[in-house]
Amino acid sequence: MDEIKTNEIYEEEVQTEENALNNDELKSAIETQLSRIRRQSMLLGFQVACHSVLEKIVATTSKQGKITMNDYKRLVKDIDQFARTGISRKVNTDGETEIIEEEISTAETVQN
């Protein structure tokens, strides 16, 4: 009778050790997948930012007629504002972005 109880206890210990290994393997697999997703999302964000800048450049350079120095200055100012806006936003732990108060007030005063 005592042998049966000891075997049951031993089997439970072995099962918990196996579960611990499985949990470690599971954690490492999840961490690997999360790092891949982070890399993919960073790459996607980088591609979108580069695409936006490229569209601004193409829109300026494809204008009919002569492109003046003021056109290039406007382009640089537009790209500068685009980059500063992206850099100034902070990301919460929930993944939501915080918009700075200055950004809201300047967005309302800009006239198109």
C-alpha atoms as a PDB file:
ATOM      1  CA  MET A   1       0.000   0.000   0.000  1.00  0.00           C
ATOM      2  CA  ASP A   2       2.790   2.369   0.873  1.00  0.00           C
ATOM      3  CA  GLU A   3       4.527   1.540  -2.395  1.00  0.00           C
ATOM      4  CA  ILE A   4       1.464   2.548  -4.376  1.00  0.00           C
ATOM      5  CA  LYS A   5       1.250   5.906  -2.590  1.00  0.00           C
ATOM      6  CA  THR A   6       4.981   6.516  -3.137  1.00  0.00           C
ATOM      7  CA  ASN A   7       4.653   5.694  -6.821  1.00  0.00           C
ATOM      8  CA  GLU A   8       1.723   8.088  -7.148  1.00  0.00           C
ATOM      9  CA  ILE A   9       3.666  10.875  -5.441  1.00  0.00           C
ATOM     10  CA  TYR A  10       6.695  10.171  -7.636  1.00  0.00           C
ATOM     11  CA  GLU A  11       4.537  10.223 -10.771  1.00  0.00           C
ATOM     12  CA  GLU A  12       3.034  13.571  -9.726  1.00  0.00           C
ATOM     13  CA  GLU A  13       6.539  15.011  -9.202  1.00  0.00           C
ATOM     14  CA  VAL A  14       7.615  13.787 -12.634  1.00  0.00           C
ATOM     15  CA  GLN A  15       4.511  15.291 -14.234  1.00  0.00           C
ATOM     16  CA  THR A  16       5.081  18.681 -12.602  1.00  0.00           C
ATOM     17  CA  GLU A  17       8.718  18.679 -13.765  1.00  0.00           C
ATOM     18  CA  GLU A  18       7.567  17.851 -17.306  1.00  0.00           C
ATOM     19  CA  ASN A  19       4.981  20.643 -17.107  1.00  0.00           C
ATOM     20  CA  ALA A  20       7.674  23.057 -15.960  1.00  0.00           C
ATOM     21  CA  LEU A  21       9.772  22.156 -18.970  1.00  0.00           C
ATOM     22  CA  ASN A  22       6.777  22.564 -21.221  1.00  0.00           C
ATOM     23  CA  ASN A  23       6.050  25.941 -19.658  1.00  0.00           C
ATOM     24  CA  ASP A  24       9.641  27.050 -20.268  1.00  0.00           C
ATOM     25  CA  GLU A  25       9.456  25.859 -23.850  1.00  0.00           C
ATOM     26  CA  LEU A  26       6.119  27.591 -24.243  1.00  0.00           C
ATOM     27  CA  LYS A  27       7.509  30.832 -22.803  1.00  0.00           C
ATOM     28  CA  SER A  28      10.478  30.771 -25.146  1.00  0.00           C
ATOM     29  CA  ALA A  29       8.219  30.074 -28.142  1.00  0.00           C
ATOM     30  CA  ILE A  30       5.928  32.950 -27.181  1.00  0.00           C
ATOM     31  CA  GLU A  31       8.884  35.307 -26.691  1.00  0.00           C
ATOM     32  CA  THR A  32      10.239  34.317 -30.102  1.00  0.00           C
ATOM     33  CA  GLN A  33       6.902  34.981 -31.787  1.00  0.00           C
ATOM     34  CA  LEU A  34       6.478  38.304 -29.985  1.00  0.00           C
ATOM     35  CA  SER A  35       9.922  39.463 -31.072  1.00  0.00           C
ATOM     36  CA  ARG A  36       9.089  38.525 -34.674  1.00  0.00           C
ATOM     37  CA  ILE A  37       5.819  40.447 -34.490  1.00  0.00           C
ATOM     38  CA  ARG A  38       7.590  43.475 -33.001  1.00  0.00           C
ATOM     39  CA  ARG A  39      10.180  43.410 -35.783  1.00  0.00           C
ATOM     40  CA  GLN A  40       7.478  43.100 -38.439  1.00  0.00           C
ATOM     41  CA  SER A  41       5.456  45.974 -36.990  1.00  0.00           C
ATOM     42  CA  MET A  42       8.551  48.182 -36.726  1.00  0.00           C
ATOM     43  CA  LEU A  43       9.437  47.384 -40.329  1.00  0.00           C
ATOM     44  CA  LEU A  44       5.896  48.136 -41.456  1.00  0.00           C
ATOM     45  CA  GLY A  45       5.924  51.458 -39.609  1.00  0.00           C
ATOM     46  CA  PHE A  46       9.284  52.338 -41.136  1.00  0.00           C
ATOM     47  CA  GLN A  47       8.003  51.489 -44.609  1.00  0.00           C
ATOM     48  CA  VAL A  48       4.894  53.646 -44.132  1.00  0.00           C
ATOM     49  CA  ALA A  49       6.978  56.599 -42.932  1.00  0.00           C
ATOM     50  CA  CYS A  50       9.386  56.269 -45.857  1.00  0.00           C
ATOM     51  CA  HIS A  51       6.490  55.952 -48.296  1.00  0.00           C
ATOM     52  CA  SER A  52       4.916  59.137 -46.917  1.00  0.00           C
ATOM     53  CA  VAL A  53       8.178  61.068 -47.261  1.00  0.00           C
ATOM     54  CA  LEU A  54       8.687  59.718 -50.772  1.00  0.00           C
ATOM     55  CA  GLU A  55       5.166  60.817 -51.765  1.00  0.00           C
ATOM     56  CA  LYS A  56       5.921  64.337 -50.511  1.00  0.00           C
ATOM     57  CA  ILE A  57       9.152  64.438 -52.543  1.00  0.00           C
ATOM     58  CA  VAL A  58       7.497  63.099 -55.695  1.00  0.00           C
ATOM     59  CA  ALA A  59       4.618  65.566 -55.353  1.00  0.00           C
ATOM     60  CA  THR A  60       7.085  68.455 -55.154  1.00  0.00           C
ATOM     61  CA  THR A  61       9.400  67.331 -57.940  1.00  0.00           C
ATOM     62  CA  SER A  62       6.651  66.330 -60.353  1.00  0.00           C
ATOM     63  CA  LYS A  63       5.130  69.795 -60.490  1.00  0.00           C
ATOM     64  CA  GLN A  64       4.799  71.382 -63.894  1.00  0.00           C
ATOM     65  CA  GLY A  65       7.199  74.207 -64.560  1.00  0.00           C
ATOM     66  CA  LYS A  66      10.277  75.348 -62.748  1.00  0.00           C
ATOM     67  CA  ILE A  67      10.866  74.178 -59.185  1.00  0.00           C
ATOM     68  CA  THR A  68      12.125  77.083 -57.104  1.00  0.00           C
ATOM     69  CA  MET A  69      14.253  77.180 -54.001  1.00  0.00           C
ATOM     70  CA  ASN A  70      11.148  78.105 -51.991  1.00  0.00           C
ATOM     71  CA  ASP A  71       9.473  74.872 -53.170  1.00  0.00           C
ATOM     72  CA  TYR A  72      12.419  72.902 -51.801  1.00  0.00           C
ATOM     73  CA  LYS A  73      12.308  74.885 -48.555  1.00  0.00           C
ATOM     74  CA  ARG A  74       8.597  74.102 -48.203  1.00  0.00           C
ATOM     75  CA  LEU A  75       9.353  70.429 -48.841  1.00  0.00           C
ATOM     76  CA  VAL A  76      12.061  70.344 -46.190  1.00  0.00           C
ATOM     77  CA  LYS A  77       9.787  72.165 -43.732  1.00  0.00           C
ATOM     78  CA  ASP A  78       6.947  69.692 -44.445  1.00  0.00           C
ATOM     79  CA  ILE A  79       9.211  66.661 -43.964  1.00  0.00           C
ATOM     80  CA  ASP A  80      10.657  68.223 -40.793  1.00  0.00           C
ATOM     81  CA  GLN A  81       7.166  68.734 -39.353  1.00  0.00           C
ATOM     82  CA  PHE A  82       6.194  65.166 -40.318  1.00  0.00           C
ATOM     83  CA  ALA A  83       9.262  63.713 -38.574  1.00  0.00           C
ATOM     84  CA  ARG A  84       8.862  65.863 -35.448  1.00  0.00           C
ATOM     85  CA  THR A  85       5.216  64.847 -35.097  1.00  0.00           C
ATOM     86  CA  GLY A  86       6.113  61.159 -35.264  1.00  0.00           C
ATOM     87  CA  ILE A  87       8.954  61.498 -32.793  1.00  0.00           C
ATOM     88  CA  SER A  88       6.977  63.583 -30.286  1.00  0.00           C
ATOM     89  CA  ARG A  89       4.256  60.980 -29.766  1.00  0.00           C
ATOM     90  CA  LYS A  90       4.720  58.687 -26.791  1.00  0.00           C
ATOM     91  CA  VAL A  91       3.343  55.153 -26.591  1.00  0.00           C
ATOM     92  CA  ASN A  92       1.599  53.910 -23.434  1.00  0.00           C
ATOM     93  CA  THR A  93       2.031  50.426 -22.047  1.00  0.00           C
ATOM     94  CA  ASP A  94      -1.397  49.679 -23.566  1.00  0.00           C
ATOM     95  CA  GLY A  95      -0.039  50.525 -27.011  1.00  0.00           C
ATOM     96  CA  GLU A  96      -2.032  53.740 -27.350  1.00  0.00           C
ATOM     97  CA  THR A  97      -0.328  56.987 -28.305  1.00  0.00           C
ATOM     98  CA  GLU A  98      -0.473  60.138 -26.248  1.00  0.00           C
ATOM     99  CA  ILE A  99      -0.928  63.365 -28.173  1.00  0.00           C
ATOM    100  CA  ILE A 100       0.903  66.319 -26.676  1.00  0.00           C
ATOM    101  CA  GLU A 101      -1.184  69.433 -25.895  1.00  0.00           C
ATOM    102  CA  GLU A 102       1.012  71.668 -28.094  1.00  0.00           C
ATOM    103  CA  GLU A 103       0.367  69.399 -31.049  1.00  0.00           C
ATOM    104  CA  ILE A 104      -3.407  69.716 -30.649  1.00  0.00           C
ATOM    105  CA  SER A 105      -3.314  73.510 -30.384  1.00  0.00           C
ATOM    106  CA  THR A 106      -1.007  73.929 -33.404  1.00  0.00           C
ATOM    107  CA  ALA A 107      -3.137  71.585 -35.498  1.00  0.00           C
ATOM    108  CA  GLU A 108      -6.175  73.775 -34.905  1.00  0.00           C
ATOM    109  CA  THR A 109      -4.405  77.010 -35.854  1.00  0.00           C
ATOM    110  CA  VAL A 110      -2.887  75.778 -39.127  1.00  0.00           C
ATOM    111  CA  GLN A 111      -4.802  77.007 -42.163  1.00  0.00           C
ATOM    112  CA  ASN A 112      -4.758  75.090 -45.426  1.00  0.00           C
END
